[in-house]
């Protein structure tokens, strides 16, 4: 986290004190925001990605101790470092501030050198938190996505399907699933090699993703087979999505290593109209896919149940 993007909020009702702190922090190249009361402080935190708050205990309206408590109750994906700034110096006051979520405590009057040391300490903690969050996000990507195609892996796409089925059942919306299989993929591997086959898989995954809505989910089920979850669509509309994918793939040869490789898809469609059991719907879509293969490939078949 660079200092140019490090946002500090000064929540202090004394205008002169706010100005002194603002000048000091801006000289350290921090982005500085101000609030003269607790209500404005909370509003600023909700609108801006504030990383640190210098929070006065005694303010009009909502006092600093309550602001601190509410900050800790916010549903946000980042940590906010809170330094309580107050004239209260009793041990019980310090304990109370720390118990409601303050990270540090500065007693008025204080020197700006002391404040700088405490801010630098907070910044180190925030940088560590950012690195840990980025590492966690990276681990999630590695665990949730197929390393070759970049779409969801089998486990993740099935989890998404279960989640969407639960949501659909709750709000009364159908959820459809599309099974898509690259026709004669073994022949592509045999003729051009597995490296070219991998490129074909990546290109097909990209084409399918481009022909979905933003809130659909594409996953690799295994080998050359893909699953597409289309929430809120009945099977007839899901068939239209499947047909759009099929045409997008078959009408444009895959360009790999200065070669044009014609590729077609067979697709099967089923929806929660038949059942809200995920395994049963997947089985129906798989059977519809089998019918598409059996009927000559390069086609879309809807479950006939």
C-alpha atoms as a PDB file:
ATOM      1  CA  UNK A   1       0.000   0.000   0.000  1.00  0.00           C
ATOM      2  CA  UNK A   2       1.731   3.164  -1.170  1.00  0.00           C
ATOM      3  CA  UNK A   3       1.443   6.381   0.781  1.00  0.00           C
ATOM      4  CA  UNK A   4      -0.195   8.130  -2.186  1.00  0.00           C
ATOM      5  CA  UNK A   5      -3.158   5.768  -1.784  1.00  0.00           C
ATOM      6  CA  UNK A   6      -3.140   5.519   1.992  1.00  0.00           C
ATOM      7  CA  UNK A   7      -6.308   7.232   3.221  1.00  0.00           C
ATOM      8  CA  UNK A   8      -6.532   8.626   6.751  1.00  0.00           C
ATOM      9  CA  UNK A   9      -9.689  10.071   8.290  1.00  0.00           C
ATOM     10  CA  UNK A  10      -9.404  12.688  11.024  1.00  0.00           C
ATOM     11  CA  UNK A  11     -12.583  12.570  13.124  1.00  0.00           C
ATOM     12  CA  UNK A  12     -12.266  15.569  15.440  1.00  0.00           C
ATOM     13  CA  UNK A  13     -14.756  18.315  16.352  1.00  0.00           C
ATOM     14  CA  UNK A  14     -12.045  20.932  17.016  1.00  0.00           C
ATOM     15  CA  UNK A  15     -11.387  22.680  13.689  1.00  0.00           C
ATOM     16  CA  UNK A  16      -7.940  23.957  14.655  1.00  0.00           C
ATOM     17  CA  UNK A  17      -6.851  20.499  15.811  1.00  0.00           C
ATOM     18  CA  UNK A  18      -8.123  19.003  12.547  1.00  0.00           C
ATOM     19  CA  UNK A  19      -6.154  21.521  10.501  1.00  0.00           C
ATOM     20  CA  UNK A  20      -2.933  20.849  12.392  1.00  0.00           C
ATOM     21  CA  UNK A  21      -3.339  17.090  11.909  1.00  0.00           C
ATOM     22  CA  UNK A  22      -4.271  17.521   8.268  1.00  0.00           C
ATOM     23  CA  UNK A  23      -1.194  19.631   7.491  1.00  0.00           C
ATOM     24  CA  UNK A  24       1.014  17.131   9.318  1.00  0.00           C
ATOM     25  CA  UNK A  25      -0.405  14.101   7.492  1.00  0.00           C
ATOM     26  CA  UNK A  26      -0.397  15.760   4.069  1.00  0.00           C
ATOM     27  CA  UNK A  27       3.289  16.563   4.558  1.00  0.00           C
ATOM     28  CA  UNK A  28       3.747  12.804   4.973  1.00  0.00           C
ATOM     29  CA  UNK A  29       1.960  12.347   1.598  1.00  0.00           C
ATOM     30  CA  UNK A  30      -1.171  10.710   2.974  1.00  0.00           C
ATOM     31  CA  UNK A  31      -4.644  11.294   1.497  1.00  0.00           C
ATOM     32  CA  UNK A  32      -6.520  13.040   4.305  1.00  0.00           C
ATOM     33  CA  UNK A  33     -10.265  13.223   4.980  1.00  0.00           C
ATOM     34  CA  UNK A  34     -12.014  15.145   7.735  1.00  0.00           C
ATOM     35  CA  UNK A  35     -15.147  14.728   9.837  1.00  0.00           C
ATOM     36  CA  UNK A  36     -16.325  16.991  12.643  1.00  0.00           C
ATOM     37  CA  UNK A  37     -18.753  14.494  14.189  1.00  0.00           C
ATOM     38  CA  UNK A  38     -19.374  10.770  14.450  1.00  0.00           C
ATOM     39  CA  UNK A  39     -22.169  10.673  11.889  1.00  0.00           C
ATOM     40  CA  UNK A  40     -20.002  12.285   9.199  1.00  0.00           C
ATOM     41  CA  UNK A  41     -17.106  10.008  10.126  1.00  0.00           C
ATOM     42  CA  UNK A  42     -19.208   6.884   9.521  1.00  0.00           C
ATOM     43  CA  UNK A  43     -20.566   8.351   6.291  1.00  0.00           C
ATOM     44  CA  UNK A  44     -17.040   9.005   5.007  1.00  0.00           C
ATOM     45  CA  UNK A  45     -15.940   5.472   5.884  1.00  0.00           C
ATOM     46  CA  UNK A  46     -18.889   4.025   3.938  1.00  0.00           C
ATOM     47  CA  UNK A  47     -18.109   6.154   0.854  1.00  0.00           C
ATOM     48  CA  UNK A  48     -14.304   6.101   0.826  1.00  0.00           C
ATOM     49  CA  UNK A  49     -11.784   3.292   1.264  1.00  0.00           C
ATOM     50  CA  UNK A  50     -10.443   4.707   4.506  1.00  0.00           C
ATOM     51  CA  UNK A  51      -7.549   2.678   5.899  1.00  0.00           C
ATOM     52  CA  UNK A  52      -6.923   4.486   9.181  1.00  0.00           C
ATOM     53  CA  UNK A  53      -8.970   6.698  11.500  1.00  0.00           C
ATOM     54  CA  UNK A  54      -7.688   9.189  14.056  1.00  0.00           C
ATOM     55  CA  UNK A  55     -10.789   9.135  16.204  1.00  0.00           C
ATOM     56  CA  UNK A  56     -11.574  11.693  18.890  1.00  0.00           C
ATOM     57  CA  UNK A  57     -13.472  10.201  21.825  1.00  0.00           C
ATOM     58  CA  UNK A  58     -15.701  13.213  22.604  1.00  0.00           C
ATOM     59  CA  UNK A  59     -17.637  14.480  19.563  1.00  0.00           C
ATOM     60  CA  UNK A  60     -21.121  15.839  18.879  1.00  0.00           C
ATOM     61  CA  UNK A  61     -23.809  13.263  18.133  1.00  0.00           C
ATOM     62  CA  UNK A  62     -22.190   9.849  18.014  1.00  0.00           C
ATOM     63  CA  UNK A  63     -19.166   9.707  20.310  1.00  0.00           C
ATOM     64  CA  UNK A  64     -15.893   8.191  19.175  1.00  0.00           C
ATOM     65  CA  UNK A  65     -16.274   5.057  21.292  1.00  0.00           C
ATOM     66  CA  UNK A  66     -19.573   4.249  19.530  1.00  0.00           C
ATOM     67  CA  UNK A  67     -18.099   5.108  16.117  1.00  0.00           C
ATOM     68  CA  UNK A  68     -15.330   2.615  16.835  1.00  0.00           C
ATOM     69  CA  UNK A  69     -17.858  -0.063  17.743  1.00  0.00           C
ATOM     70  CA  UNK A  70     -19.871   0.567  14.554  1.00  0.00           C
ATOM     71  CA  UNK A  71     -16.773   0.473  12.372  1.00  0.00           C
ATOM     72  CA  UNK A  72     -16.004  -3.000  13.693  1.00  0.00           C
ATOM     73  CA  UNK A  73     -19.571  -4.065  12.871  1.00  0.00           C
ATOM     74  CA  UNK A  74     -19.283  -2.954   9.221  1.00  0.00           C
ATOM     75  CA  UNK A  75     -19.375  -5.692   6.571  1.00  0.00           C
ATOM     76  CA  UNK A  76     -16.298  -4.679   4.566  1.00  0.00           C
ATOM     77  CA  UNK A  77     -13.452  -6.671   3.041  1.00  0.00           C
ATOM     78  CA  UNK A  78     -10.605  -4.603   4.486  1.00  0.00           C
ATOM     79  CA  UNK A  79      -9.250  -3.731   7.897  1.00  0.00           C
ATOM     80  CA  UNK A  80      -9.504  -0.191   9.282  1.00  0.00           C
ATOM     81  CA  UNK A  81      -6.825   0.735  11.787  1.00  0.00           C
ATOM     82  CA  UNK A  82      -8.263   2.940  14.569  1.00  0.00           C
ATOM     83  CA  UNK A  83      -6.247   5.253  16.793  1.00  0.00           C
ATOM     84  CA  UNK A  84      -8.302   6.779  19.600  1.00  0.00           C
ATOM     85  CA  UNK A  85      -7.254  10.388  20.247  1.00  0.00           C
ATOM     86  CA  UNK A  86      -8.585  11.784  23.517  1.00  0.00           C
ATOM     87  CA  UNK A  87      -7.940  13.627  26.735  1.00  0.00           C
ATOM     88  CA  UNK A  88      -9.140  10.603  28.738  1.00  0.00           C
ATOM     89  CA  UNK A  89      -6.064   9.069  30.315  1.00  0.00           C
ATOM     90  CA  UNK A  90      -7.522   6.800  32.991  1.00  0.00           C
ATOM     91  CA  UNK A  91      -6.573   3.157  32.640  1.00  0.00           C
ATOM     92  CA  UNK A  92     -10.228   2.116  32.564  1.00  0.00           C
ATOM     93  CA  UNK A  93     -10.833   4.461  29.613  1.00  0.00           C
ATOM     94  CA  UNK A  94      -7.916   3.020  27.664  1.00  0.00           C
ATOM     95  CA  UNK A  95      -9.201  -0.496  28.349  1.00  0.00           C
ATOM     96  CA  UNK A  96     -12.710   0.457  27.225  1.00  0.00           C
ATOM     97  CA  UNK A  97     -11.399   1.921  23.974  1.00  0.00           C
ATOM     98  CA  UNK A  98      -9.353  -1.171  23.181  1.00  0.00           C
ATOM     99  CA  UNK A  99     -12.230  -3.488  24.079  1.00  0.00           C
ATOM    100  CA  UNK A 100     -14.571  -1.934  21.516  1.00  0.00           C
ATOM    101  CA  UNK A 101     -11.990  -2.315  18.748  1.00  0.00           C
ATOM    102  CA  UNK A 102      -9.429   0.503  18.868  1.00  0.00           C
ATOM    103  CA  UNK A 103      -5.932  -0.551  17.819  1.00  0.00           C
ATOM    104  CA  UNK A 104      -3.996   2.219  19.565  1.00  0.00           C
ATOM    105  CA  UNK A 105      -4.485   5.133  21.900  1.00  0.00           C
ATOM    106  CA  UNK A 106      -3.026   8.661  21.965  1.00  0.00           C
ATOM    107  CA  UNK A 107      -3.663  10.947  24.926  1.00  0.00           C
ATOM    108  CA  UNK A 108      -3.979  14.697  24.404  1.00  0.00           C
ATOM    109  CA  UNK A 109      -1.826  16.702  24.383  1.00  0.00           C
ATOM    110  CA  UNK A 110       0.545  14.682  22.244  1.00  0.00           C
ATOM    111  CA  UNK A 111       3.586  15.440  20.112  1.00  0.00           C
ATOM    112  CA  UNK A 112       3.393  14.942  16.358  1.00  0.00           C
ATOM    113  CA  UNK A 113       6.502  12.788  16.590  1.00  0.00           C
ATOM    114  CA  UNK A 114       4.575  10.390  18.833  1.00  0.00           C
ATOM    115  CA  UNK A 115       1.631  10.458  16.430  1.00  0.00           C
ATOM    116  CA  UNK A 116       3.924   9.728  13.481  1.00  0.00           C
ATOM    117  CA  UNK A 117       5.389   6.680  15.226  1.00  0.00           C
ATOM    118  CA  UNK A 118       1.909   5.321  15.950  1.00  0.00           C
ATOM    119  CA  UNK A 119       0.722   5.961  12.389  1.00  0.00           C
ATOM    120  CA  UNK A 120       3.792   4.232  10.943  1.00  0.00           C
ATOM    121  CA  UNK A 121       3.098   1.259  13.192  1.00  0.00           C
ATOM    122  CA  UNK A 122      -0.474   1.117  11.930  1.00  0.00           C
ATOM    123  CA  UNK A 123       0.672   1.372   8.326  1.00  0.00           C
ATOM    124  CA  UNK A 124       2.982  -1.626   8.767  1.00  0.00           C
ATOM    125  CA  UNK A 125       0.057  -3.667  10.080  1.00  0.00           C
ATOM    126  CA  UNK A 126      -2.175  -2.571   7.200  1.00  0.00           C
ATOM    127  CA  UNK A 127       0.467  -3.483   4.637  1.00  0.00           C
ATOM    128  CA  UNK A 128       0.780  -6.931   6.199  1.00  0.00           C
ATOM    129  CA  UNK A 129      -3.019  -7.320   6.172  1.00  0.00           C
ATOM    130  CA  UNK A 130      -3.094  -6.356   2.473  1.00  0.00           C
ATOM    131  CA  UNK A 131      -0.431  -8.932   1.596  1.00  0.00           C
ATOM    132  CA  UNK A 132      -2.310 -11.623   3.520  1.00  0.00           C
ATOM    133  CA  UNK A 133      -5.565 -10.697   1.788  1.00  0.00           C
ATOM    134  CA  UNK A 134      -3.904 -10.854  -1.637  1.00  0.00           C
ATOM    135  CA  UNK A 135      -2.386 -14.231  -0.781  1.00  0.00           C
ATOM    136  CA  UNK A 136      -5.802 -15.496   0.308  1.00  0.00           C
ATOM    137  CA  UNK A 137      -7.363 -14.288  -2.960  1.00  0.00           C
ATOM    138  CA  UNK A 138      -4.611 -16.004  -4.928  1.00  0.00           C
ATOM    139  CA  UNK A 139      -5.191 -19.261  -3.064  1.00  0.00           C
ATOM    140  CA  UNK A 140      -8.915 -18.979  -3.794  1.00  0.00           C
ATOM    141  CA  UNK A 141      -8.216 -18.531  -7.500  1.00  0.00           C
ATOM    142  CA  UNK A 142      -5.937 -21.558  -7.517  1.00  0.00           C
ATOM    143  CA  UNK A 143      -8.534 -23.658  -5.739  1.00  0.00           C
ATOM    144  CA  UNK A 144     -11.631 -22.440  -7.643  1.00  0.00           C
ATOM    145  CA  UNK A 145     -10.489 -22.162 -11.256  1.00  0.00           C
ATOM    146  CA  UNK A 146      -9.298 -24.627 -13.849  1.00  0.00           C
ATOM    147  CA  UNK A 147      -5.606 -23.934 -14.400  1.00  0.00           C
ATOM    148  CA  UNK A 148      -5.760 -24.567 -18.165  1.00  0.00           C
ATOM    149  CA  UNK A 149      -8.913 -22.767 -19.307  1.00  0.00           C
ATOM    150  CA  UNK A 150      -9.400 -20.175 -16.550  1.00  0.00           C
ATOM    151  CA  UNK A 151     -13.075 -21.083 -16.027  1.00  0.00           C
ATOM    152  CA  UNK A 152     -14.381 -22.638 -12.810  1.00  0.00           C
ATOM    153  CA  UNK A 153     -13.154 -26.133 -12.049  1.00  0.00           C
ATOM    154  CA  UNK A 154     -15.531 -29.067 -11.517  1.00  0.00           C
ATOM    155  CA  UNK A 155     -15.863 -28.692  -7.757  1.00  0.00           C
ATOM    156  CA  UNK A 156     -16.502 -24.938  -7.939  1.00  0.00           C
ATOM    157  CA  UNK A 157     -19.035 -25.061 -10.779  1.00  0.00           C
ATOM    158  CA  UNK A 158     -21.028 -27.735  -8.947  1.00  0.00           C
ATOM    159  CA  UNK A 159     -20.970 -25.572  -5.807  1.00  0.00           C
ATOM    160  CA  UNK A 160     -22.223 -22.616  -7.860  1.00  0.00           C
ATOM    161  CA  UNK A 161     -24.999 -24.783  -9.275  1.00  0.00           C
ATOM    162  CA  UNK A 162     -26.133 -25.864  -5.798  1.00  0.00           C
ATOM    163  CA  UNK A 163     -26.089 -22.252  -4.596  1.00  0.00           C
ATOM    164  CA  UNK A 164     -28.120 -21.031  -7.575  1.00  0.00           C
ATOM    165  CA  UNK A 165     -30.625 -23.866  -7.155  1.00  0.00           C
ATOM    166  CA  UNK A 166     -31.158 -22.892  -3.518  1.00  0.00           C
ATOM    167  CA  UNK A 167     -31.563 -19.245  -4.481  1.00  0.00           C
ATOM    168  CA  UNK A 168     -33.889 -20.109  -7.360  1.00  0.00           C
ATOM    169  CA  UNK A 169     -36.059 -22.247  -5.131  1.00  0.00           C
ATOM    170  CA  UNK A 170     -36.194 -19.456  -2.549  1.00  0.00           C
ATOM    171  CA  UNK A 171     -37.255 -16.716  -4.994  1.00  0.00           C
ATOM    172  CA  UNK A 172     -39.229 -18.897  -7.416  1.00  0.00           C
ATOM    173  CA  UNK A 173     -36.887 -18.731 -10.424  1.00  0.00           C
ATOM    174  CA  UNK A 174     -35.865 -21.584 -12.665  1.00  0.00           C
ATOM    175  CA  UNK A 175     -32.191 -22.414 -13.042  1.00  0.00           C
ATOM    176  CA  UNK A 176     -30.945 -24.183 -16.146  1.00  0.00           C
ATOM    177  CA  UNK A 177     -27.743 -26.078 -16.773  1.00  0.00           C
ATOM    178  CA  UNK A 178     -26.022 -26.658 -20.113  1.00  0.00           C
ATOM    179  CA  UNK A 179     -23.621 -29.508 -20.715  1.00  0.00           C
ATOM    180  CA  UNK A 180     -21.286 -28.843 -23.638  1.00  0.00           C
ATOM    181  CA  UNK A 181     -18.856 -31.312 -25.190  1.00  0.00           C
ATOM    182  CA  UNK A 182     -16.324 -30.702 -27.968  1.00  0.00           C
ATOM    183  CA  UNK A 183     -17.093 -33.115 -30.777  1.00  0.00           C
ATOM    184  CA  UNK A 184     -14.386 -35.579 -31.790  1.00  0.00           C
ATOM    185  CA  UNK A 185     -11.845 -34.001 -29.468  1.00  0.00           C
ATOM    186  CA  UNK A 186      -9.803 -37.186 -29.370  1.00  0.00           C
ATOM    187  CA  UNK A 187      -9.268 -36.846 -33.108  1.00  0.00           C
ATOM    188  CA  UNK A 188      -7.939 -33.312 -32.592  1.00  0.00           C
ATOM    189  CA  UNK A 189      -5.460 -34.591 -30.010  1.00  0.00           C
ATOM    190  CA  UNK A 190      -4.454 -37.535 -32.207  1.00  0.00           C
ATOM    191  CA  UNK A 191      -3.982 -35.388 -35.308  1.00  0.00           C
ATOM    192  CA  UNK A 192      -2.397 -32.252 -33.864  1.00  0.00           C
ATOM    193  CA  UNK A 193      -1.060 -33.311 -30.450  1.00  0.00           C
ATOM    194  CA  UNK A 194      -2.105 -32.567 -26.895  1.00  0.00           C
ATOM    195  CA  UNK A 195      -0.525 -29.095 -26.775  1.00  0.00           C
ATOM    196  CA  UNK A 196      -2.714 -27.998 -29.676  1.00  0.00           C
ATOM    197  CA  UNK A 197      -5.633 -29.740 -28.024  1.00  0.00           C
ATOM    198  CA  UNK A 198      -5.030 -27.676 -24.889  1.00  0.00           C
ATOM    199  CA  UNK A 199      -5.130 -24.482 -26.958  1.00  0.00           C
ATOM    200  CA  UNK A 200      -8.419 -25.585 -28.497  1.00  0.00           C
ATOM    201  CA  UNK A 201      -9.858 -26.145 -25.021  1.00  0.00           C
ATOM    202  CA  UNK A 202      -8.790 -22.644 -23.941  1.00  0.00           C
ATOM    203  CA  UNK A 203     -10.239 -21.007 -27.057  1.00  0.00           C
ATOM    204  CA  UNK A 204     -13.557 -22.844 -26.743  1.00  0.00           C
ATOM    205  CA  UNK A 205     -13.807 -21.886 -23.044  1.00  0.00           C
ATOM    206  CA  UNK A 206     -13.188 -18.240 -24.008  1.00  0.00           C
ATOM    207  CA  UNK A 207     -15.861 -18.323 -26.729  1.00  0.00           C
ATOM    208  CA  UNK A 208     -18.440 -19.827 -24.388  1.00  0.00           C
ATOM    209  CA  UNK A 209     -17.641 -17.268 -21.695  1.00  0.00           C
ATOM    210  CA  UNK A 210     -18.001 -14.429 -24.201  1.00  0.00           C
ATOM    211  CA  UNK A 211     -21.431 -15.684 -25.221  1.00  0.00           C
ATOM    212  CA  UNK A 212     -22.815 -15.847 -21.667  1.00  0.00           C
ATOM    213  CA  UNK A 213     -24.455 -13.189 -19.577  1.00  0.00           C
ATOM    214  CA  UNK A 214     -22.342 -11.543 -16.884  1.00  0.00           C
ATOM    215  CA  UNK A 215     -24.126 -13.516 -14.181  1.00  0.00           C
ATOM    216  CA  UNK A 216     -23.863 -16.953 -15.819  1.00  0.00           C
ATOM    217  CA  UNK A 217     -21.146 -19.390 -14.758  1.00  0.00           C
ATOM    218  CA  UNK A 218     -18.892 -21.470 -16.992  1.00  0.00           C
ATOM    219  CA  UNK A 219     -16.920 -24.405 -15.643  1.00  0.00           C
ATOM    220  CA  UNK A 220     -14.851 -27.283 -16.935  1.00  0.00           C
ATOM    221  CA  UNK A 221     -16.502 -30.525 -15.889  1.00  0.00           C
ATOM    222  CA  UNK A 222     -13.661 -32.731 -17.085  1.00  0.00           C
ATOM    223  CA  UNK A 223     -11.670 -33.415 -20.240  1.00  0.00           C
ATOM    224  CA  UNK A 224     -13.399 -31.651 -23.123  1.00  0.00           C
ATOM    225  CA  UNK A 225     -16.736 -31.293 -21.306  1.00  0.00           C
ATOM    226  CA  UNK A 226     -18.009 -28.001 -19.881  1.00  0.00           C
ATOM    227  CA  UNK A 227     -20.932 -26.965 -17.668  1.00  0.00           C
ATOM    228  CA  UNK A 228     -22.722 -23.629 -17.964  1.00  0.00           C
ATOM    229  CA  UNK A 229     -25.090 -22.468 -15.202  1.00  0.00           C
ATOM    230  CA  UNK A 230     -27.751 -20.014 -16.391  1.00  0.00           C
ATOM    231  CA  UNK A 231     -29.791 -18.682 -13.441  1.00  0.00           C
ATOM    232  CA  UNK A 232     -33.277 -17.318 -14.014  1.00  0.00           C
ATOM    233  CA  UNK A 233     -33.781 -18.891 -17.445  1.00  0.00           C
ATOM    234  CA  UNK A 234     -36.248 -21.584 -18.429  1.00  0.00           C
ATOM    235  CA  UNK A 235     -34.944 -24.448 -20.524  1.00  0.00           C
ATOM    236  CA  UNK A 236     -36.192 -22.938 -23.814  1.00  0.00           C
ATOM    237  CA  UNK A 237     -34.265 -19.721 -23.172  1.00  0.00           C
ATOM    238  CA  UNK A 238     -31.249 -21.723 -21.989  1.00  0.00           C
ATOM    239  CA  UNK A 239     -31.385 -23.599 -25.293  1.00  0.00           C
ATOM    240  CA  UNK A 240     -31.088 -20.246 -27.061  1.00  0.00           C
ATOM    241  CA  UNK A 241     -27.946 -19.515 -25.023  1.00  0.00           C
ATOM    242  CA  UNK A 242     -26.595 -22.961 -25.886  1.00  0.00           C
ATOM    243  CA  UNK A 243     -27.322 -22.428 -29.574  1.00  0.00           C
ATOM    244  CA  UNK A 244     -25.548 -19.075 -29.500  1.00  0.00           C
ATOM    245  CA  UNK A 245     -22.478 -20.798 -28.080  1.00  0.00           C
ATOM    246  CA  UNK A 246     -22.670 -23.636 -30.577  1.00  0.00           C
ATOM    247  CA  UNK A 247     -22.875 -21.291 -33.555  1.00  0.00           C
ATOM    248  CA  UNK A 248     -20.093 -19.056 -32.229  1.00  0.00           C
ATOM    249  CA  UNK A 249     -17.792 -22.082 -32.015  1.00  0.00           C
ATOM    250  CA  UNK A 250     -18.688 -23.856 -35.259  1.00  0.00           C
ATOM    251  CA  UNK A 251     -18.857 -20.734 -37.456  1.00  0.00           C
ATOM    252  CA  UNK A 252     -15.294 -19.628 -36.669  1.00  0.00           C
ATOM    253  CA  UNK A 253     -12.418 -22.147 -36.879  1.00  0.00           C
ATOM    254  CA  UNK A 254     -10.018 -22.117 -33.941  1.00  0.00           C
ATOM    255  CA  UNK A 255      -6.731 -20.439 -34.922  1.00  0.00           C
ATOM    256  CA  UNK A 256      -3.777 -22.171 -33.288  1.00  0.00           C
ATOM    257  CA  UNK A 257      -0.125 -22.231 -34.409  1.00  0.00           C
ATOM    258  CA  UNK A 258      -0.928 -20.808 -37.865  1.00  0.00           C
ATOM    259  CA  UNK A 259      -3.599 -23.467 -38.365  1.00  0.00           C
ATOM    260  CA  UNK A 260      -7.362 -23.298 -38.673  1.00  0.00           C
ATOM    261  CA  UNK A 261      -8.996 -26.137 -36.778  1.00  0.00           C
ATOM    262  CA  UNK A 262     -12.756 -26.592 -37.265  1.00  0.00           C
ATOM    263  CA  UNK A 263     -14.507 -27.350 -33.985  1.00  0.00           C
ATOM    264  CA  UNK A 264     -18.127 -28.150 -33.173  1.00  0.00           C
ATOM    265  CA  UNK A 265     -20.064 -28.600 -29.936  1.00  0.00           C
ATOM    266  CA  UNK A 266     -22.830 -30.878 -28.785  1.00  0.00           C
ATOM    267  CA  UNK A 267     -24.949 -29.535 -25.945  1.00  0.00           C
ATOM    268  CA  UNK A 268     -27.601 -30.820 -23.574  1.00  0.00           C
ATOM    269  CA  UNK A 269     -29.955 -28.628 -21.528  1.00  0.00           C
ATOM    270  CA  UNK A 270     -32.023 -29.302 -18.407  1.00  0.00           C
ATOM    271  CA  UNK A 271     -33.613 -27.055 -15.805  1.00  0.00           C
ATOM    272  CA  UNK A 272     -34.966 -26.971 -12.273  1.00  0.00           C
ATOM    273  CA  UNK A 273     -38.480 -27.239 -13.721  1.00  0.00           C
ATOM    274  CA  UNK A 274     -37.885 -30.997 -13.651  1.00  0.00           C
ATOM    275  CA  UNK A 275     -36.293 -31.106 -10.206  1.00  0.00           C
ATOM    276  CA  UNK A 276     -34.431 -29.088  -7.595  1.00  0.00           C
ATOM    277  CA  UNK A 277     -32.023 -31.942  -6.979  1.00  0.00           C
ATOM    278  CA  UNK A 278     -28.687 -30.916  -8.516  1.00  0.00           C
ATOM    279  CA  UNK A 279     -27.549 -34.477  -9.275  1.00  0.00           C
ATOM    280  CA  UNK A 280     -30.817 -35.282 -10.996  1.00  0.00           C
ATOM    281  CA  UNK A 281     -30.693 -32.159 -13.183  1.00  0.00           C
ATOM    282  CA  UNK A 282     -27.068 -32.841 -14.125  1.00  0.00           C
ATOM    283  CA  UNK A 283     -28.034 -36.388 -15.067  1.00  0.00           C
ATOM    284  CA  UNK A 284     -30.848 -35.061 -17.268  1.00  0.00           C
ATOM    285  CA  UNK A 285     -28.520 -32.578 -18.979  1.00  0.00           C
ATOM    286  CA  UNK A 286     -25.941 -35.333 -19.498  1.00  0.00           C
ATOM    287  CA  UNK A 287     -28.569 -37.578 -21.102  1.00  0.00           C
ATOM    288  CA  UNK A 288     -29.659 -34.705 -23.361  1.00  0.00           C
ATOM    289  CA  UNK A 289     -26.007 -34.242 -24.354  1.00  0.00           C
ATOM    290  CA  UNK A 290     -25.816 -37.949 -25.185  1.00  0.00           C
ATOM    291  CA  UNK A 291     -28.858 -37.537 -27.435  1.00  0.00           C
ATOM    292  CA  UNK A 292     -27.171 -34.612 -29.199  1.00  0.00           C
ATOM    293  CA  UNK A 293     -24.124 -36.801 -29.849  1.00  0.00           C
ATOM    294  CA  UNK A 294     -26.284 -39.703 -30.965  1.00  0.00           C
ATOM    295  CA  UNK A 295     -28.287 -37.547 -33.384  1.00  0.00           C
ATOM    296  CA  UNK A 296     -25.222 -36.449 -35.350  1.00  0.00           C
ATOM    297  CA  UNK A 297     -23.348 -33.998 -33.075  1.00  0.00           C
ATOM    298  CA  UNK A 298     -23.061 -30.229 -33.541  1.00  0.00           C
ATOM    299  CA  UNK A 299     -26.528 -29.720 -32.035  1.00  0.00           C
ATOM    300  CA  UNK A 300     -28.443 -28.734 -28.913  1.00  0.00           C
ATOM    301  CA  UNK A 301     -30.940 -31.045 -27.266  1.00  0.00           C
ATOM    302  CA  UNK A 302     -33.297 -30.179 -24.408  1.00  0.00           C
ATOM    303  CA  UNK A 303     -34.157 -32.710 -21.739  1.00  0.00           C
ATOM    304  CA  UNK A 304     -37.421 -34.436 -22.658  1.00  0.00           C
ATOM    305  CA  UNK A 305     -38.492 -35.359 -19.143  1.00  0.00           C
END
